[in-house]
Protein backbone atom coordinates (compact mmCIF):
# COMPACT_ATOMS: atom_id res chain seq x y z
CA UNK A 1 66.58 -49.52 -52.70
CA UNK A 2 66.95 -46.07 -54.21
CA UNK A 3 68.97 -44.56 -57.09
CA UNK A 4 72.41 -43.25 -56.10
CA UNK A 5 71.95 -40.34 -58.49
CA UNK A 6 70.48 -37.40 -56.62
CA UNK A 7 67.30 -35.78 -57.89
CA UNK A 8 69.36 -32.78 -58.93
CA UNK A 9 71.81 -34.97 -60.89
CA UNK A 10 68.94 -36.78 -62.61
CA UNK A 11 67.41 -33.48 -63.63
CA UNK A 12 70.75 -32.26 -64.97
CA UNK A 13 71.19 -35.36 -67.12
CA UNK A 14 67.58 -35.22 -68.33
CA UNK A 15 67.91 -31.55 -69.24
CA UNK A 16 70.69 -32.56 -71.65
CA UNK A 17 68.51 -35.21 -73.26
CA UNK A 18 65.16 -33.45 -73.65
CA UNK A 19 61.77 -34.16 -72.06
CA UNK A 20 62.66 -37.56 -70.59
CA UNK A 21 62.86 -39.42 -67.30
CA UNK A 22 65.36 -41.97 -65.97
CA UNK A 23 64.27 -45.43 -64.85
CA UNK A 24 66.81 -47.49 -62.92
CA UNK A 25 67.39 -50.90 -64.53
CA UNK A 26 70.57 -52.17 -62.87
CA UNK A 27 72.32 -51.47 -59.58
CA UNK A 28 75.53 -53.42 -59.15
CA UNK A 29 75.48 -53.44 -55.33
CA UNK A 30 72.11 -55.20 -55.54
CA UNK A 31 72.30 -57.27 -58.71
CA UNK A 32 76.05 -57.97 -58.78
CA UNK A 33 79.26 -56.46 -60.19
CA UNK A 34 79.30 -58.89 -63.12
CA UNK A 35 78.82 -58.67 -66.85
CA UNK A 36 76.14 -61.36 -66.62
CA UNK A 37 74.07 -59.43 -64.09
CA UNK A 38 74.43 -56.23 -66.14
CA UNK A 39 73.34 -57.90 -69.39
CA UNK A 40 70.46 -59.74 -67.72
CA UNK A 41 69.01 -56.44 -66.51
CA UNK A 42 69.95 -54.11 -69.37
CA UNK A 43 70.10 -55.93 -72.70
CA UNK A 44 67.60 -54.68 -75.33
CA UNK A 45 66.81 -51.48 -73.38
CA UNK A 46 67.60 -48.12 -75.00
CA UNK A 47 68.55 -45.35 -74.78
CA UNK A 48 70.48 -45.72 -71.55
CA UNK A 49 72.63 -43.74 -69.15
CA UNK A 50 75.38 -45.72 -67.36
CA UNK A 51 76.83 -44.25 -64.18
CA UNK A 52 79.92 -45.15 -62.15
CA UNK A 53 80.68 -44.02 -58.59
CA UNK A 54 83.99 -44.22 -56.71
CA UNK A 55 85.17 -43.62 -53.15
CA UNK A 56 86.70 -40.31 -54.22
CA UNK A 57 83.20 -38.95 -54.76
CA UNK A 58 83.24 -38.83 -58.57
CA UNK A 59 80.04 -39.52 -60.52
CA UNK A 60 80.70 -40.28 -64.20
CA UNK A 61 79.54 -42.44 -67.08
CA UNK A 62 78.13 -42.52 -70.58
CA UNK A 63 75.03 -42.28 -72.74
CA UNK A 64 74.10 -44.38 -75.77
CA UNK A 65 70.96 -44.67 -77.84
CA UNK A 66 71.91 -48.24 -78.81
CA UNK A 67 70.55 -51.24 -76.88
CA UNK A 68 73.13 -53.39 -75.12
CA UNK A 69 73.75 -56.99 -76.19
CA UNK A 70 76.43 -59.69 -75.90
CA UNK A 71 77.30 -59.84 -79.63
CA UNK A 72 80.98 -58.94 -79.15
CA UNK A 73 80.62 -56.33 -81.91
CA UNK A 74 81.26 -52.59 -82.14
CA UNK A 75 78.10 -50.56 -82.58
CA UNK A 76 77.81 -47.14 -84.20
CA UNK A 77 76.22 -44.27 -82.30
CA UNK A 78 76.81 -40.67 -83.33
CA UNK A 79 74.92 -39.42 -80.28
CA UNK A 80 76.94 -41.30 -77.65
CA UNK A 81 78.88 -39.29 -75.08
CA UNK A 82 80.74 -39.67 -71.80
CA UNK A 83 80.17 -37.32 -68.89
CA UNK A 84 81.24 -36.40 -65.39
CA UNK A 85 79.84 -34.08 -62.77
CA UNK A 86 81.77 -31.01 -61.69
CA UNK A 87 79.66 -29.87 -58.78
CA UNK A 88 76.15 -29.54 -60.22
CA UNK A 89 77.45 -29.01 -63.76
CA UNK A 90 77.57 -31.83 -66.30
CA UNK A 91 80.72 -32.03 -68.43
CA UNK A 92 80.12 -33.91 -71.72
CA UNK A 93 82.65 -35.65 -73.98
CA UNK A 94 81.05 -36.61 -77.35
CA UNK A 95 82.36 -39.64 -79.18
CA UNK A 96 85.18 -38.95 -81.63
CA UNK A 97 84.67 -42.28 -83.39
CA UNK A 98 80.92 -42.77 -83.95
CA UNK A 99 81.41 -46.04 -85.86
CA UNK A 100 82.93 -47.65 -82.75
CA UNK A 101 81.11 -45.74 -80.02
CA UNK A 102 79.91 -48.76 -78.04
CA UNK A 103 81.15 -52.35 -77.69
CA UNK A 104 78.95 -55.30 -76.74
CA UNK A 105 81.10 -57.45 -74.45
CA UNK A 106 79.52 -60.35 -72.53
CA UNK A 107 81.71 -60.40 -69.43
CA UNK A 108 81.82 -56.63 -68.85
CA UNK A 109 79.46 -53.83 -68.01
CA UNK A 110 78.81 -50.68 -70.11
CA UNK A 111 81.61 -50.47 -72.71
CA UNK A 112 82.22 -47.14 -74.47
CA UNK A 113 84.66 -47.55 -77.37
CA UNK A 114 87.99 -48.44 -75.82
CA UNK A 115 87.92 -45.34 -73.62
CA UNK A 116 85.76 -46.24 -70.64
CA UNK A 117 84.40 -49.52 -69.29
CA UNK A 118 82.36 -49.78 -66.11
CA UNK A 119 82.62 -53.18 -64.37
CA UNK A 120 85.55 -54.38 -66.44
CA UNK A 121 85.72 -58.16 -66.89
CA UNK A 122 83.24 -58.61 -64.02
CA UNK A 123 85.44 -56.71 -61.59
CA UNK A 124 84.50 -53.66 -59.49
CA UNK A 125 86.90 -51.54 -61.54
CA UNK A 126 86.96 -49.08 -64.44
CA UNK A 127 88.93 -49.60 -67.65
CA UNK A 128 90.25 -46.19 -68.65
CA UNK A 129 91.90 -45.20 -71.99
CA UNK A 130 91.28 -41.52 -72.87
CA UNK A 131 91.51 -40.76 -76.56
CA UNK A 132 90.26 -44.12 -77.83
CA UNK A 133 86.90 -42.98 -79.13
CA UNK A 134 86.37 -40.24 -76.54
CA UNK A 135 88.68 -37.41 -75.47
CA UNK A 136 88.66 -36.56 -71.77
CA UNK A 137 90.96 -35.80 -68.89
CA UNK A 138 91.12 -38.79 -66.55
CA UNK A 139 91.75 -36.69 -63.46
CA UNK A 140 88.72 -34.57 -64.29
CA UNK A 141 86.58 -37.58 -65.20
CA UNK A 142 87.11 -39.74 -62.11
CA UNK A 143 90.18 -38.48 -60.26
CA UNK A 144 92.17 -41.49 -61.50
CA UNK A 145 90.29 -43.60 -58.93
CA UNK A 146 89.44 -46.74 -60.94
CA UNK A 147 87.78 -48.70 -58.12
CA UNK A 148 83.99 -48.66 -58.28
CA UNK A 149 81.77 -48.41 -55.23
CA UNK A 150 78.63 -48.54 -57.35
CA UNK A 151 77.51 -48.85 -60.95
CA UNK A 152 74.01 -48.10 -62.22
CA UNK A 153 72.28 -48.18 -65.60
CA UNK A 154 69.14 -46.14 -66.26
CA UNK A 155 66.78 -46.41 -69.19
CA UNK A 156 65.96 -43.05 -70.75
CA UNK A 157 62.20 -42.93 -71.21
CA UNK A 158 60.01 -40.62 -73.19
CA UNK A 159 56.35 -40.45 -72.12
CA UNK A 160 54.23 -42.40 -74.59
CA UNK A 161 50.48 -41.77 -74.74
CA UNK A 162 48.25 -44.44 -76.25
CA UNK A 163 45.57 -43.31 -78.69
CA UNK A 164 42.89 -44.94 -76.55
CA UNK A 165 42.83 -46.01 -72.90
CA UNK A 166 43.26 -49.78 -72.66
CA UNK A 167 40.84 -49.92 -69.74
CA UNK A 168 37.66 -47.89 -69.84
CA UNK A 169 36.84 -45.75 -66.80
CA UNK A 170 34.15 -43.15 -66.26
CA UNK A 171 35.64 -40.08 -64.58
CA UNK A 172 32.32 -38.35 -63.98
CA UNK A 173 31.44 -37.17 -60.47
CA UNK A 174 28.34 -39.37 -60.60
CA UNK A 175 30.62 -42.40 -60.97
CA UNK A 176 32.49 -41.47 -57.77
CA UNK A 177 29.22 -41.28 -55.86
CA UNK A 178 27.99 -44.53 -57.41
CA UNK A 179 31.14 -46.35 -56.30
CA UNK A 180 30.87 -44.98 -52.77
CA UNK A 181 27.24 -46.06 -52.47
CA UNK A 182 28.07 -49.50 -53.85
CA UNK A 183 30.74 -49.95 -51.16
CA UNK A 184 28.48 -48.71 -48.38
CA UNK A 185 25.68 -51.10 -49.35
CA UNK A 186 27.90 -54.16 -49.81
CA UNK A 187 27.04 -57.25 -47.77
CA UNK A 188 29.16 -60.44 -47.69
CA UNK A 189 27.30 -63.40 -49.16
CA UNK A 190 27.94 -65.37 -45.94
CA UNK A 191 25.47 -64.25 -43.28
CA UNK A 192 27.86 -64.92 -40.38
CA UNK A 193 30.32 -62.30 -41.69
CA UNK A 194 29.54 -58.60 -41.53
CA UNK A 195 32.79 -57.19 -42.97
CA UNK A 196 35.21 -58.42 -45.63
CA UNK A 197 38.77 -58.49 -44.29
CA UNK A 198 41.53 -57.58 -46.74
CA UNK A 199 45.21 -58.06 -45.88
CA UNK A 200 47.73 -55.57 -47.33
CA UNK A 201 51.19 -57.04 -47.92
CA UNK A 202 54.15 -55.33 -49.53
CA UNK A 203 57.71 -53.98 -49.27
CA UNK A 204 58.66 -51.12 -46.97
CA UNK A 205 57.49 -47.77 -48.34
CA UNK A 206 55.20 -49.23 -51.00
CA UNK A 207 52.18 -47.42 -49.55
CA UNK A 208 50.15 -49.93 -47.49
CA UNK A 209 49.38 -47.54 -44.62
CA UNK A 210 48.94 -44.67 -47.08
CA UNK A 211 46.33 -46.69 -48.97
CA UNK A 212 44.19 -47.05 -45.85
CA UNK A 213 44.64 -43.35 -45.06
CA UNK A 214 43.60 -42.50 -48.61
CA UNK A 215 40.44 -44.65 -48.49
CA UNK A 216 39.62 -43.20 -45.09
CA UNK A 217 40.09 -39.71 -46.54
CA UNK A 218 37.66 -40.38 -49.39
CA UNK A 219 34.87 -41.39 -47.01
CA UNK A 220 35.68 -38.70 -44.42
CA UNK A 221 35.52 -36.03 -47.09
CA UNK A 222 38.95 -34.60 -46.38
CA UNK A 223 42.58 -35.77 -46.33
CA UNK A 224 43.35 -37.53 -43.06
CA UNK A 225 46.14 -39.69 -41.67
CA UNK A 226 45.14 -42.28 -39.08
CA UNK A 227 47.71 -44.96 -39.89
CA UNK A 228 51.41 -44.10 -39.46
CA UNK A 229 52.88 -43.58 -42.93
CA UNK A 230 55.96 -41.97 -44.43
CA UNK A 231 59.47 -42.72 -45.70
CA UNK A 232 61.93 -44.84 -43.74
CA UNK A 233 64.58 -47.48 -44.31
CA UNK A 234 62.69 -49.77 -41.92
CA UNK A 235 58.99 -50.44 -41.62
CA UNK A 236 57.02 -47.70 -39.88
CA UNK A 237 54.28 -50.25 -39.22
CA UNK A 238 55.45 -52.47 -36.35
CA UNK A 239 52.04 -53.73 -35.22
CA UNK A 240 49.30 -55.73 -36.88
CA UNK A 241 46.42 -53.30 -37.32
CA UNK A 242 42.84 -53.89 -38.42
CA UNK A 243 41.35 -50.64 -39.69
CA UNK A 244 37.65 -50.01 -40.18
CA UNK A 245 36.62 -47.17 -42.46
CA UNK A 246 33.73 -44.94 -41.41
CA UNK A 247 31.31 -43.24 -43.78
CA UNK A 248 31.83 -39.73 -42.42
CA UNK A 249 32.94 -38.59 -38.98
CA UNK A 250 29.82 -39.92 -37.23
CA UNK A 251 28.93 -42.52 -39.84
CA UNK A 252 28.80 -46.28 -39.42
CA UNK A 253 31.70 -48.55 -40.32
CA UNK A 254 31.88 -49.73 -43.92
CA UNK A 255 31.62 -53.46 -44.68
CA UNK A 256 35.39 -53.77 -45.24
CA UNK A 257 38.36 -53.97 -42.89
CA UNK A 258 41.86 -53.20 -44.17
CA UNK A 259 44.56 -55.08 -42.30
CA UNK A 260 47.97 -53.41 -42.25
CA UNK A 261 51.20 -55.31 -41.68
CA UNK A 262 54.89 -54.79 -41.19
CA UNK A 263 56.71 -54.27 -44.49
CA UNK A 264 58.46 -57.11 -46.29
CA UNK A 265 62.24 -56.86 -46.47
CA UNK A 266 64.64 -58.68 -48.78
CA UNK A 267 67.11 -59.74 -46.07
CA UNK A 268 66.53 -62.89 -44.02
CA UNK A 269 65.27 -62.35 -40.46
CA UNK A 270 63.97 -58.84 -41.19
CA UNK A 271 60.51 -57.49 -41.91
CA UNK A 272 57.27 -59.47 -41.86
CA UNK A 273 57.73 -63.20 -41.23
CA UNK A 274 56.03 -65.76 -43.50
CA UNK A 275 54.59 -67.63 -40.49
CA UNK A 276 52.98 -64.43 -39.21
CA UNK A 277 51.29 -64.02 -42.59
CA UNK A 278 49.77 -67.48 -42.26
CA UNK A 279 48.62 -66.68 -38.70
CA UNK A 280 47.03 -63.44 -39.89
CA UNK A 281 45.17 -65.19 -42.71
CA UNK A 282 43.89 -67.87 -40.33
CA UNK A 283 42.67 -65.20 -37.91
CA UNK A 284 45.06 -66.04 -35.05
CA UNK A 285 46.76 -62.62 -34.72
CA UNK A 286 45.07 -60.13 -32.40
CA UNK A 287 44.78 -56.48 -33.35
CA UNK A 288 47.83 -54.41 -32.29
CA UNK A 289 50.05 -57.51 -32.12
CA UNK A 290 53.69 -56.36 -32.02
CA UNK A 291 55.65 -58.01 -34.81
CA UNK A 292 58.95 -59.74 -34.07
CA UNK A 293 60.70 -60.75 -37.34
CA UNK A 294 62.97 -63.24 -35.57
CA UNK A 295 60.22 -64.91 -33.51
CA UNK A 296 56.81 -65.24 -35.20
CA UNK A 297 53.61 -65.73 -33.19
CA UNK A 298 52.93 -69.31 -32.02
CA UNK A 299 50.04 -71.01 -30.27
CA UNK A 300 51.52 -70.43 -26.78
CA UNK A 301 52.07 -66.70 -27.36
CA UNK A 302 50.09 -64.19 -25.33
CA UNK A 303 47.04 -63.02 -27.27
CA UNK A 304 47.02 -65.95 -29.71
CA UNK A 305 43.45 -66.44 -30.94
CA UNK A 306 42.99 -70.21 -30.90
CA UNK A 307 39.44 -70.44 -32.17
CA UNK A 308 39.12 -67.99 -35.04
CA UNK A 309 35.79 -67.68 -36.77
CA UNK A 310 35.24 -66.98 -40.46
CA UNK A 311 34.80 -63.28 -39.65
CA UNK A 312 38.30 -63.17 -38.08
CA UNK A 313 40.03 -64.66 -41.11
CA UNK A 314 41.37 -62.90 -44.19
CA UNK A 315 39.09 -63.01 -47.24
CA UNK A 316 41.33 -61.31 -49.80
CA UNK A 317 45.06 -60.46 -50.01
CA UNK A 318 46.29 -57.32 -51.77
CA UNK A 319 49.98 -56.97 -52.58
CA UNK A 320 51.04 -53.33 -52.56
CA UNK A 321 53.87 -52.49 -54.99
CA UNK A 322 55.54 -49.17 -55.80
CA UNK A 323 55.32 -48.54 -59.58
CA UNK A 324 58.65 -46.69 -59.47
CA UNK A 325 60.46 -49.76 -58.15
CA UNK A 326 58.98 -52.52 -60.27
CA UNK A 327 61.95 -52.64 -62.72
CA UNK A 328 64.53 -52.74 -59.91
CA UNK A 329 62.76 -55.10 -57.54
CA UNK A 330 65.55 -57.07 -55.79
CA UNK A 331 65.63 -60.77 -56.59
CA UNK A 332 65.41 -61.77 -52.92
CA UNK A 333 62.33 -59.62 -52.38
CA UNK A 334 60.74 -61.05 -55.51
CA UNK A 335 61.45 -64.54 -54.15
CA UNK A 336 59.85 -63.60 -50.82
CA UNK A 337 56.74 -62.30 -52.54
CA UNK A 338 56.57 -65.46 -54.65
CA UNK A 339 56.84 -67.64 -51.53
CA UNK A 340 54.06 -65.65 -49.85
CA UNK A 341 51.88 -65.88 -52.97
CA UNK A 342 52.30 -69.65 -53.08
CA UNK A 343 51.25 -69.99 -49.44
CA UNK A 344 48.24 -67.76 -49.97
CA UNK A 345 47.32 -69.75 -53.08
CA UNK A 346 47.43 -73.00 -51.12
CA UNK A 347 45.00 -71.49 -48.61
CA UNK A 348 42.52 -70.58 -51.35
CA UNK A 349 42.59 -66.82 -50.73
CA UNK A 350 41.93 -64.52 -53.74
CA UNK A 351 44.80 -62.12 -54.50
CA UNK A 352 45.24 -58.84 -56.33
CA UNK A 353 47.97 -56.23 -56.70
CA UNK A 354 47.73 -52.51 -55.90
CA UNK A 355 50.32 -50.63 -57.91
CA UNK A 356 50.90 -47.32 -56.12
CA UNK A 357 52.71 -44.07 -57.01
CA UNK A 358 51.72 -44.24 -60.67
CA UNK A 359 51.97 -40.46 -60.85
CA UNK A 360 55.61 -40.52 -59.71
CA UNK A 361 56.42 -43.29 -62.18
CA UNK A 362 55.11 -41.54 -65.29
CA UNK A 363 55.11 -37.82 -66.24
CA UNK A 364 51.91 -38.27 -68.28
CA UNK A 365 50.05 -39.52 -65.23
CA UNK A 366 51.63 -36.84 -63.07
CA UNK A 367 50.17 -34.23 -65.42
CA UNK A 368 46.72 -35.84 -65.34
CA UNK A 369 45.73 -38.95 -63.38
CA UNK A 370 43.16 -39.68 -66.08
CA UNK A 371 46.08 -40.71 -68.32
CA UNK A 372 46.77 -43.75 -66.17
CA UNK A 373 45.30 -46.14 -68.76
CA UNK A 374 46.67 -44.14 -71.69
CA UNK A 375 50.25 -44.38 -70.45
CA UNK A 376 52.24 -47.04 -72.30
CA UNK A 377 54.78 -47.06 -69.49
CA UNK A 378 52.21 -47.73 -66.74
CA UNK A 379 50.78 -50.55 -68.84
CA UNK A 380 54.27 -52.04 -69.20
CA UNK A 381 54.84 -51.80 -65.43
CA UNK A 382 51.50 -53.48 -64.74
CA UNK A 383 52.39 -56.25 -67.20
CA UNK A 384 55.80 -56.65 -65.54
CA UNK A 385 54.40 -56.84 -62.01
CA UNK A 386 51.80 -59.32 -63.28
CA UNK A 387 54.59 -61.55 -64.60
CA UNK A 388 56.86 -61.15 -61.57
CA UNK A 389 54.16 -61.88 -59.00
CA UNK A 390 52.41 -64.53 -61.06
CA UNK A 391 48.96 -62.92 -61.12
CA UNK A 392 46.78 -62.13 -64.15
CA UNK A 393 46.95 -58.57 -65.49
CA UNK A 394 43.24 -58.26 -64.64
CA UNK A 395 44.25 -58.55 -60.98
CA UNK A 396 46.59 -55.52 -61.10
CA UNK A 397 44.98 -52.21 -60.14
CA UNK A 398 46.81 -48.84 -60.29
CA UNK A 399 46.17 -46.23 -57.58
CA UNK A 400 47.49 -42.90 -56.37
CA UNK A 401 47.51 -42.48 -52.60
CA UNK A 402 47.18 -39.11 -50.91
CA UNK A 403 50.65 -38.19 -49.66
CA UNK A 404 51.23 -34.45 -50.04
CA UNK A 405 47.80 -33.10 -50.92
CA UNK A 406 45.60 -31.11 -48.54
CA UNK A 407 42.42 -31.51 -50.62
CA UNK A 408 40.75 -34.47 -52.24
CA UNK A 409 40.94 -35.05 -56.00
CA UNK A 410 37.81 -36.73 -57.46
CA UNK A 411 39.88 -38.56 -60.11
CA UNK A 412 42.22 -40.05 -57.49
CA UNK A 413 39.15 -41.03 -55.47
CA UNK A 414 37.71 -42.96 -58.40
CA UNK A 415 40.88 -45.07 -58.78
CA UNK A 416 40.96 -45.74 -55.03
CA UNK A 417 37.28 -46.68 -54.92
CA UNK A 418 37.65 -49.01 -57.92
CA UNK A 419 40.43 -50.79 -55.99
CA UNK A 420 38.05 -51.31 -53.03
CA UNK A 421 35.31 -52.60 -55.35
CA UNK A 422 37.77 -55.17 -56.75
CA UNK A 423 38.68 -56.25 -53.23
CA UNK A 424 35.01 -56.80 -52.37
CA UNK A 425 34.48 -58.77 -55.58
CA UNK A 426 37.45 -60.97 -54.76
CA UNK A 427 36.18 -61.46 -51.21
CA UNK A 428 32.84 -62.58 -52.70
CA UNK A 429 34.77 -65.22 -54.67
CA UNK A 430 36.18 -66.49 -51.37
CA UNK A 431 32.76 -66.54 -49.69
CA UNK A 432 31.24 -68.34 -52.67
CA UNK A 433 33.97 -70.98 -52.42
CA UNK A 434 33.38 -71.38 -48.67
CA UNK A 435 29.63 -71.72 -49.23
CA UNK A 436 30.20 -74.35 -51.92
CA UNK A 437 32.51 -76.32 -49.64
CA UNK A 438 29.92 -76.15 -46.83
CA UNK A 439 27.17 -77.32 -49.19
CA UNK A 440 29.27 -80.27 -50.37
CA UNK A 441 29.90 -81.33 -46.78
CA UNK A 442 26.18 -81.21 -46.05
CA UNK A 443 25.41 -83.33 -49.10
CA UNK A 444 27.99 -85.93 -48.06
CA UNK A 445 26.55 -86.06 -44.53
CA UNK A 446 23.12 -86.85 -45.95
């Protein structure tokens, strides 16, 4: 799910508002062409840019610094304006009645004076009355095509830097080396297991395969790309893959295996199947198993591993989530993730969240990855994903994968290595639990 505004259009709008970025809050084709859906996603957020799209190709809307509500009242805003695109140029129409610039109507979408309403009375239409608070030419604004094909609302965000980082990290080169050595020397607390197995689960394009490639790059000493990764509407990973990471080109395998899966999709019968996740966790799926969303693996399937040992099972699950898409995560996808989390919980597997693309989500972090824990926005996104997925904030770890770089960045490496350390710690929790269960059984047998 991506914004309908092009990158160029976003830049044009932002250039009229100052040093800001746009964060998509509401997309009518996903959340619903209703006033209720709009208010659920957008109330209390400000400033905002609301955008309508029609089949005639017009892109138009309005800006307000006031937060939306369902009060039924007029709200003053002397900075509010309507706009439309004429090619790449933005045409602006400032409010002519600042005292009544925005109305807060429960059963409608963005409501600018009496001049322009997007999603009028929960219909996929525009209410249009030029001159009532804003002066514009209707033909120029939207071509007199009042039927909406899409409506979006973006929050206008200014980068906010905290005075102090809310998590303390050492960015020294010695720390990077210390983390690498700690990972190399790790040994599972259960003697029958030589490598901790971590399952990566997440939506299409969140960065599961890229995470493995990035970890592999750190230990190879240069950017590499073993797992298939990239951008696509459907999952590029179609097989179950178990990836070992080597310490250098000729080095031995590290004591961790990252298991890559097909991406989760919001629609039923598409993407990774819940039953396949259970089979993976129990160790039944063979490496390079070809996923079939409509027909999950069963005990009679070719390659089904009937007798899976502890070393074949999953010892930690990591959900991979794109920081840019946390606020607009579709409800159905959120429900899928919640269902998966509940199943994993019932199986006693420790879980954490990798929040990727933090540099794309926040300009402060894009300028310097060391700002990741000084960014108020990244903290808010981590808190939101913690709430949505039902995991403690301490289980959410931000990372930046290697995607366009040709050389390694020591600061990016430190975030990636910290994520691996957390995975190994969580796997230890699983092994400790298994050992305790085994000890209790022995005591009962005596």
